[in-house]
Amino acid sequence: MSLISMPFVDSGLDTTLHVVAAVVMITTVAAMAIGFWKLHELPINKAHKEDHHQIGLITALTWIGFLWHWVWVLAVLVAFVDGEKALRKIRDIWHEDKKPESEPKQGLVQVKEETNNA
């Protein structure tokens, strides 16, 4: 036996190990492809589950997302973020900021009246 010998070469185990390795490799690639597909279909499934108004847009963005991945991110945002609620919340925040400006502050009015009376 030499120092540089290959184990299992020219034996029945050689073919068996190659077959096992091929099966493991094909199973791993198939599992990764199925996982990628399920992840990529997540926006469409969410849109159907929530009966989203933009199902067609989400579906198109998801399919285009196979080529351009940033488009898939847009599909996820459209599917998971309720646009109407988000716009209402932004509108309410915008209007809450304007209310204190239109109402006079009593502290400043009282100080001005006291300085005018003195």
Protein backbone atom coordinates (compact mmCIF):
# COMPACT_ATOMS: atom_id res chain seq x y z
CA MET A 1 0.00 0.00 0.00
CA SER A 2 1.38 3.37 -0.96
CA LEU A 3 1.11 6.65 0.89
CA ILE A 4 -0.99 8.16 -1.93
CA SER A 5 -3.68 5.56 -2.31
CA MET A 6 -7.31 6.32 -3.12
CA PRO A 7 -9.78 4.62 -0.78
CA PHE A 8 -12.60 2.59 -2.32
CA VAL A 9 -11.16 2.85 -5.87
CA ASP A 10 -11.87 -0.16 -8.07
CA SER A 11 -14.25 -1.66 -5.56
CA GLY A 12 -17.99 -2.15 -5.32
CA LEU A 13 -18.15 0.56 -2.66
CA ASP A 14 -16.84 3.09 -5.18
CA THR A 15 -19.98 2.90 -7.29
CA THR A 16 -22.24 2.81 -4.23
CA LEU A 17 -20.66 5.95 -2.76
CA HIS A 18 -21.01 7.77 -6.09
CA VAL A 19 -24.69 6.86 -6.30
CA VAL A 20 -25.31 7.96 -2.70
CA ALA A 21 -23.47 11.24 -3.33
CA ALA A 22 -25.49 11.86 -6.51
CA VAL A 23 -28.78 11.19 -4.70
CA VAL A 24 -27.81 13.53 -1.84
CA MET A 25 -26.76 16.24 -4.29
CA ILE A 26 -29.93 15.98 -6.40
CA THR A 27 -32.12 15.96 -3.26
CA THR A 28 -30.33 19.02 -1.88
CA VAL A 29 -30.70 20.95 -5.14
CA ALA A 30 -34.38 19.97 -5.40
CA ALA A 31 -35.05 20.99 -1.78
CA MET A 32 -33.36 24.35 -2.35
CA ALA A 33 -35.39 24.92 -5.54
CA ILE A 34 -38.66 24.09 -3.76
CA GLY A 35 -37.75 26.37 -0.85
CA PHE A 36 -36.85 29.19 -3.22
CA TRP A 37 -40.13 28.72 -5.09
CA LYS A 38 -42.18 28.77 -1.87
CA LEU A 39 -40.39 31.88 -0.66
CA HIS A 40 -40.88 33.57 -4.02
CA GLU A 41 -44.60 32.75 -4.07
CA LEU A 42 -45.10 34.19 -0.57
CA PRO A 43 -46.51 37.57 -1.77
CA ILE A 44 -49.04 35.88 -4.07
CA ASN A 45 -50.20 33.53 -1.32
CA LYS A 46 -50.57 36.45 1.11
CA ALA A 47 -52.55 38.45 -1.47
CA HIS A 48 -54.95 35.56 -2.09
CA LYS A 49 -55.33 34.90 1.64
CA GLU A 50 -56.18 38.53 2.40
CA ASP A 51 -58.26 38.95 -0.82
CA HIS A 52 -56.02 41.87 -1.75
CA HIS A 53 -57.27 44.44 -4.28
CA GLN A 54 -53.98 44.34 -6.20
CA ILE A 55 -53.63 40.58 -6.78
CA GLY A 56 -52.78 41.09 -10.46
CA LEU A 57 -50.06 43.63 -9.69
CA ILE A 58 -48.56 41.43 -6.97
CA THR A 59 -48.57 38.41 -9.28
CA ALA A 60 -46.86 40.34 -12.08
CA LEU A 61 -44.26 41.81 -9.73
CA THR A 62 -43.55 38.37 -8.29
CA TRP A 63 -42.98 36.84 -11.73
CA ILE A 64 -40.80 39.75 -12.84
CA GLY A 65 -38.96 39.35 -9.54
CA PHE A 66 -37.48 36.08 -10.79
CA LEU A 67 -35.31 38.18 -13.12
CA TRP A 68 -34.96 41.42 -11.14
CA HIS A 69 -34.97 40.65 -7.44
CA TRP A 70 -35.65 44.23 -6.32
CA VAL A 71 -39.06 43.98 -8.05
CA TRP A 72 -39.88 41.01 -5.81
CA VAL A 73 -39.23 43.25 -2.79
CA LEU A 74 -41.85 45.66 -4.17
CA ALA A 75 -44.29 42.74 -4.47
CA VAL A 76 -43.67 41.86 -0.83
CA LEU A 77 -44.26 45.46 0.25
CA VAL A 78 -47.49 45.75 -1.75
CA ALA A 79 -48.74 42.40 -0.45
CA PHE A 80 -47.91 42.83 3.23
CA VAL A 81 -48.50 46.57 3.72
CA ASP A 82 -52.11 47.70 3.63
CA GLY A 83 -51.80 50.85 1.53
CA GLU A 84 -55.11 52.37 2.61
CA LYS A 85 -54.34 52.01 6.31
CA ALA A 86 -50.82 53.34 5.81
CA LEU A 87 -52.06 56.41 3.92
CA ARG A 88 -54.72 57.07 6.56
CA LYS A 89 -52.09 56.83 9.29
CA ILE A 90 -49.76 59.20 7.45
CA ARG A 91 -52.67 61.61 6.86
CA ASP A 92 -53.61 61.51 10.55
CA ILE A 93 -50.01 62.13 11.59
CA TRP A 94 -49.79 65.01 9.11
CA HIS A 95 -52.97 66.63 10.43
CA GLU A 96 -51.99 66.09 14.08
CA ASP A 97 -48.84 68.14 13.50
CA LYS A 98 -50.86 71.06 12.08
CA LYS A 99 -53.46 71.26 14.89
CA PRO A 100 -51.19 72.71 17.60
CA GLU A 101 -49.96 75.46 15.24
CA SER A 102 -53.48 76.77 14.56
CA GLU A 103 -54.48 76.91 18.25
CA PRO A 104 -52.97 79.77 20.27
CA LYS A 105 -50.91 78.74 23.24
CA GLN A 106 -52.34 80.06 26.48
CA GLY A 107 -49.02 80.43 28.18
CA LEU A 108 -47.72 82.95 25.65
CA VAL A 109 -51.00 84.86 25.53
CA GLN A 110 -51.06 85.25 29.32
CA VAL A 111 -47.46 86.46 29.39
CA LYS A 112 -48.16 89.03 26.67
CA GLU A 113 -51.29 90.28 28.48
CA GLU A 114 -49.38 90.59 31.76
CA THR A 115 -46.60 92.61 30.12
CA ASN A 116 -49.13 94.90 28.41
CA ASN A 117 -50.99 95.52 31.69
CA ALA A 118 -47.84 96.38 33.58
